């Protein structure tokens, strides 16, 4: 299967079907360092990225925000000194969609490019764990 990083997000509106369990089983190995969590009944992809200092953290947040805007799909980000927790889910359907996996892979790729600790470029994913 080709890397998710070459795919583009598609517009997703209320009523669009969420990703199936079979699709999750296919796509989750492509973003192995992301956890599937649930917040108020809504499943999300979540991962924490660590950086050497606050300016590096902010630079990552800025670049991820630009990427999200270009794709028309926006994450939740919790920014702290040296780390960012990123969550992807599709707000319109209150569930996971293929777009979320695409953006998780693109986030991994960006983190590796920007020197996130424990990140390495492997099919758009990195090797760091997801402990928040």
C-alpha atoms as a PDB file:
ATOM      1  CA  UNK A   1       0.000   0.000   0.000  1.00  0.00           C
ATOM      2  CA  UNK A   2       1.361   3.441  -0.862  1.00  0.00           C
ATOM      3  CA  UNK A   3       2.233   5.870   1.896  1.00  0.00           C
ATOM      4  CA  UNK A   4      -0.620   7.910   3.319  1.00  0.00           C
ATOM      5  CA  UNK A   5       1.607  10.981   3.077  1.00  0.00           C
ATOM      6  CA  UNK A   6       0.983  11.256  -0.678  1.00  0.00           C
ATOM      7  CA  UNK A   7      -2.800  11.294  -0.272  1.00  0.00           C
ATOM      8  CA  UNK A   8      -4.915  14.421   0.099  1.00  0.00           C
ATOM      9  CA  UNK A   9      -7.821  14.906   2.458  1.00  0.00           C
ATOM     10  CA  UNK A  10     -11.276  14.883   0.903  1.00  0.00           C
ATOM     11  CA  UNK A  11     -14.088  17.141   2.081  1.00  0.00           C
ATOM     12  CA  UNK A  12     -16.144  15.374   4.725  1.00  0.00           C
ATOM     13  CA  UNK A  13     -19.578  16.596   5.713  1.00  0.00           C
ATOM     14  CA  UNK A  14     -22.076  15.619   8.386  1.00  0.00           C
ATOM     15  CA  UNK A  15     -23.588  12.264   7.536  1.00  0.00           C
ATOM     16  CA  UNK A  16     -20.477  10.913   5.794  1.00  0.00           C
ATOM     17  CA  UNK A  17     -19.703   7.372   6.928  1.00  0.00           C
ATOM     18  CA  UNK A  18     -16.943   6.917   9.505  1.00  0.00           C
ATOM     19  CA  UNK A  19     -14.037   4.651   8.752  1.00  0.00           C
ATOM     20  CA  UNK A  20     -14.837   0.958   9.158  1.00  0.00           C
ATOM     21  CA  UNK A  21     -13.127  -1.427  11.569  1.00  0.00           C
ATOM     22  CA  UNK A  22     -11.593  -3.172   8.542  1.00  0.00           C
ATOM     23  CA  UNK A  23     -10.143   0.101   7.255  1.00  0.00           C
ATOM     24  CA  UNK A  24      -8.757   0.920  10.707  1.00  0.00           C
ATOM     25  CA  UNK A  25      -7.079  -2.505  10.784  1.00  0.00           C
ATOM     26  CA  UNK A  26      -5.517  -1.719   7.387  1.00  0.00           C
ATOM     27  CA  UNK A  27      -4.435   1.858   8.132  1.00  0.00           C
ATOM     28  CA  UNK A  28      -3.381   1.723  11.803  1.00  0.00           C
ATOM     29  CA  UNK A  29      -0.121  -0.164  11.019  1.00  0.00           C
ATOM     30  CA  UNK A  30       0.831   2.761   8.755  1.00  0.00           C
ATOM     31  CA  UNK A  31       0.753   5.100  11.777  1.00  0.00           C
ATOM     32  CA  UNK A  32       1.838   2.668  14.511  1.00  0.00           C
ATOM     33  CA  UNK A  33       2.836   5.270  17.081  1.00  0.00           C
ATOM     34  CA  UNK A  34      -0.623   6.813  17.258  1.00  0.00           C
ATOM     35  CA  UNK A  35      -3.138   5.697  19.874  1.00  0.00           C
ATOM     36  CA  UNK A  36      -6.849   5.507  19.275  1.00  0.00           C
ATOM     37  CA  UNK A  37      -8.415   7.199  22.280  1.00  0.00           C
ATOM     38  CA  UNK A  38     -11.946   8.272  23.068  1.00  0.00           C
ATOM     39  CA  UNK A  39     -13.037  11.636  24.436  1.00  0.00           C
ATOM     40  CA  UNK A  40     -16.720  12.158  25.274  1.00  0.00           C
ATOM     41  CA  UNK A  41     -17.635   9.195  23.076  1.00  0.00           C
ATOM     42  CA  UNK A  42     -15.638  10.400  20.072  1.00  0.00           C
ATOM     43  CA  UNK A  43     -12.692   8.282  18.879  1.00  0.00           C
ATOM     44  CA  UNK A  44      -9.485  10.172  18.056  1.00  0.00           C
ATOM     45  CA  UNK A  45      -5.972   9.473  16.902  1.00  0.00           C
ATOM     46  CA  UNK A  46      -3.525  10.870  19.465  1.00  0.00           C
ATOM     47  CA  UNK A  47       0.230  11.181  19.724  1.00  0.00           C
ATOM     48  CA  UNK A  48       2.664  13.312  21.717  1.00  0.00           C
ATOM     49  CA  UNK A  49       5.764  14.738  20.036  1.00  0.00           C
ATOM     50  CA  UNK A  50       8.788  15.937  22.014  1.00  0.00           C
ATOM     51  CA  UNK A  51      11.220  18.682  21.022  1.00  0.00           C
ATOM     52  CA  UNK A  52      14.485  19.959  22.471  1.00  0.00           C
ATOM     53  CA  UNK A  53      13.124  23.394  23.414  1.00  0.00           C
ATOM     54  CA  UNK A  54      10.114  25.683  23.287  1.00  0.00           C
ATOM     55  CA  UNK A  55      11.036  27.513  20.046  1.00  0.00           C
ATOM     56  CA  UNK A  56      11.307  24.130  18.250  1.00  0.00           C
ATOM     57  CA  UNK A  57       7.947  23.153  19.692  1.00  0.00           C
ATOM     58  CA  UNK A  58       6.321  26.348  18.455  1.00  0.00           C
ATOM     59  CA  UNK A  59       7.915  25.992  15.011  1.00  0.00           C
ATOM     60  CA  UNK A  60       6.395  22.505  14.705  1.00  0.00           C
ATOM     61  CA  UNK A  61       2.964  23.803  15.765  1.00  0.00           C
ATOM     62  CA  UNK A  62       3.178  26.593  13.186  1.00  0.00           C
ATOM     63  CA  UNK A  63       4.155  24.223  10.355  1.00  0.00           C
ATOM     64  CA  UNK A  64       1.505  21.685  11.351  1.00  0.00           C
ATOM     65  CA  UNK A  65      -1.083  24.461  11.386  1.00  0.00           C
ATOM     66  CA  UNK A  66      -0.053  25.479   7.862  1.00  0.00           C
ATOM     67  CA  UNK A  67      -0.260  21.862   6.695  1.00  0.00           C
ATOM     68  CA  UNK A  68      -3.693  21.464   8.297  1.00  0.00           C
ATOM     69  CA  UNK A  69      -4.941  24.629   6.630  1.00  0.00           C
ATOM     70  CA  UNK A  70      -3.672  23.447   3.236  1.00  0.00           C
ATOM     71  CA  UNK A  71      -5.516  20.129   3.675  1.00  0.00           C
ATOM     72  CA  UNK A  72      -8.661  21.703   5.121  1.00  0.00           C
ATOM     73  CA  UNK A  73      -8.482  19.405   8.152  1.00  0.00           C
ATOM     74  CA  UNK A  74      -7.480  20.727  11.564  1.00  0.00           C
ATOM     75  CA  UNK A  75      -6.217  18.982  14.721  1.00  0.00           C
ATOM     76  CA  UNK A  76      -6.474  19.672  18.384  1.00  0.00           C
ATOM     77  CA  UNK A  77      -3.043  20.570  19.767  1.00  0.00           C
ATOM     78  CA  UNK A  78      -1.977  20.926  23.381  1.00  0.00           C
ATOM     79  CA  UNK A  79       1.327  22.811  23.492  1.00  0.00           C
ATOM     80  CA  UNK A  80       3.681  22.607  26.454  1.00  0.00           C
ATOM     81  CA  UNK A  81       7.386  23.259  26.921  1.00  0.00           C
ATOM     82  CA  UNK A  82       9.133  20.785  24.638  1.00  0.00           C
ATOM     83  CA  UNK A  83       6.074  18.786  23.650  1.00  0.00           C
ATOM     84  CA  UNK A  84       2.853  18.856  21.661  1.00  0.00           C
ATOM     85  CA  UNK A  85      -0.062  16.451  21.971  1.00  0.00           C
ATOM     86  CA  UNK A  86      -1.831  16.204  18.624  1.00  0.00           C
ATOM     87  CA  UNK A  87      -5.290  14.719  18.159  1.00  0.00           C
ATOM     88  CA  UNK A  88      -6.972  14.028  14.834  1.00  0.00           C
ATOM     89  CA  UNK A  89     -10.652  13.211  14.351  1.00  0.00           C
ATOM     90  CA  UNK A  90     -13.321  14.395  11.974  1.00  0.00           C
ATOM     91  CA  UNK A  91     -15.501  16.929  13.715  1.00  0.00           C
ATOM     92  CA  UNK A  92     -18.322  16.805  11.120  1.00  0.00           C
ATOM     93  CA  UNK A  93     -19.007  13.120  11.775  1.00  0.00           C
ATOM     94  CA  UNK A  94     -17.758  12.942  15.385  1.00  0.00           C
ATOM     95  CA  UNK A  95     -15.700   9.911  14.438  1.00  0.00           C
ATOM     96  CA  UNK A  96     -12.590   8.774  12.598  1.00  0.00           C
ATOM     97  CA  UNK A  97     -12.261   9.090   8.824  1.00  0.00           C
ATOM     98  CA  UNK A  98      -9.491   8.191   6.390  1.00  0.00           C
ATOM     99  CA  UNK A  99      -8.505  11.885   6.477  1.00  0.00           C
ATOM    100  CA  UNK A 100      -7.414  11.464  10.097  1.00  0.00           C
ATOM    101  CA  UNK A 101      -4.986   8.683   9.189  1.00  0.00           C
ATOM    102  CA  UNK A 102      -3.665  10.718   6.251  1.00  0.00           C
ATOM    103  CA  UNK A 103      -2.988  13.658   8.550  1.00  0.00           C
ATOM    104  CA  UNK A 104      -1.442  11.463  11.250  1.00  0.00           C
ATOM    105  CA  UNK A 105       1.039  10.159   8.673  1.00  0.00           C
ATOM    106  CA  UNK A 106       1.768  13.680   7.427  1.00  0.00           C
ATOM    107  CA  UNK A 107       2.236  14.825  11.037  1.00  0.00           C
ATOM    108  CA  UNK A 108       4.754  12.009  11.613  1.00  0.00           C
ATOM    109  CA  UNK A 109       6.640  13.006   8.471  1.00  0.00           C
ATOM    110  CA  UNK A 110       6.747  16.670   9.517  1.00  0.00           C
ATOM    111  CA  UNK A 111       7.899  15.771  13.045  1.00  0.00           C
ATOM    112  CA  UNK A 112      10.749  13.673  11.626  1.00  0.00           C
ATOM    113  CA  UNK A 113      11.769  16.528   9.299  1.00  0.00           C
ATOM    114  CA  UNK A 114      11.751  18.959  12.224  1.00  0.00           C
ATOM    115  CA  UNK A 115      13.817  16.765  14.535  1.00  0.00           C
ATOM    116  CA  UNK A 116      11.210  15.610  17.034  1.00  0.00           C
ATOM    117  CA  UNK A 117      12.884  13.351  19.582  1.00  0.00           C
ATOM    118  CA  UNK A 118      12.500   9.688  18.716  1.00  0.00           C
ATOM    119  CA  UNK A 119      11.087  10.415  15.273  1.00  0.00           C
ATOM    120  CA  UNK A 120      12.412   8.801  12.147  1.00  0.00           C
ATOM    121  CA  UNK A 121      11.011   8.883   8.627  1.00  0.00           C
ATOM    122  CA  UNK A 122       9.541   5.462   7.831  1.00  0.00           C
ATOM    123  CA  UNK A 123       6.578   5.621   5.478  1.00  0.00           C
ATOM    124  CA  UNK A 124       5.497   8.890   7.047  1.00  0.00           C
ATOM    125  CA  UNK A 125       5.514   7.465  10.566  1.00  0.00           C
ATOM    126  CA  UNK A 126       7.927   7.819  13.429  1.00  0.00           C
ATOM    127  CA  UNK A 127       9.138   5.515  16.175  1.00  0.00           C
ATOM    128  CA  UNK A 128       8.192   7.437  19.317  1.00  0.00           C
ATOM    129  CA  UNK A 129       5.553   6.097  21.676  1.00  0.00           C
ATOM    130  CA  UNK A 130       2.353   7.926  22.478  1.00  0.00           C
ATOM    131  CA  UNK A 131       2.357   8.376  26.199  1.00  0.00           C
ATOM    132  CA  UNK A 132       0.829  11.800  26.840  1.00  0.00           C
END
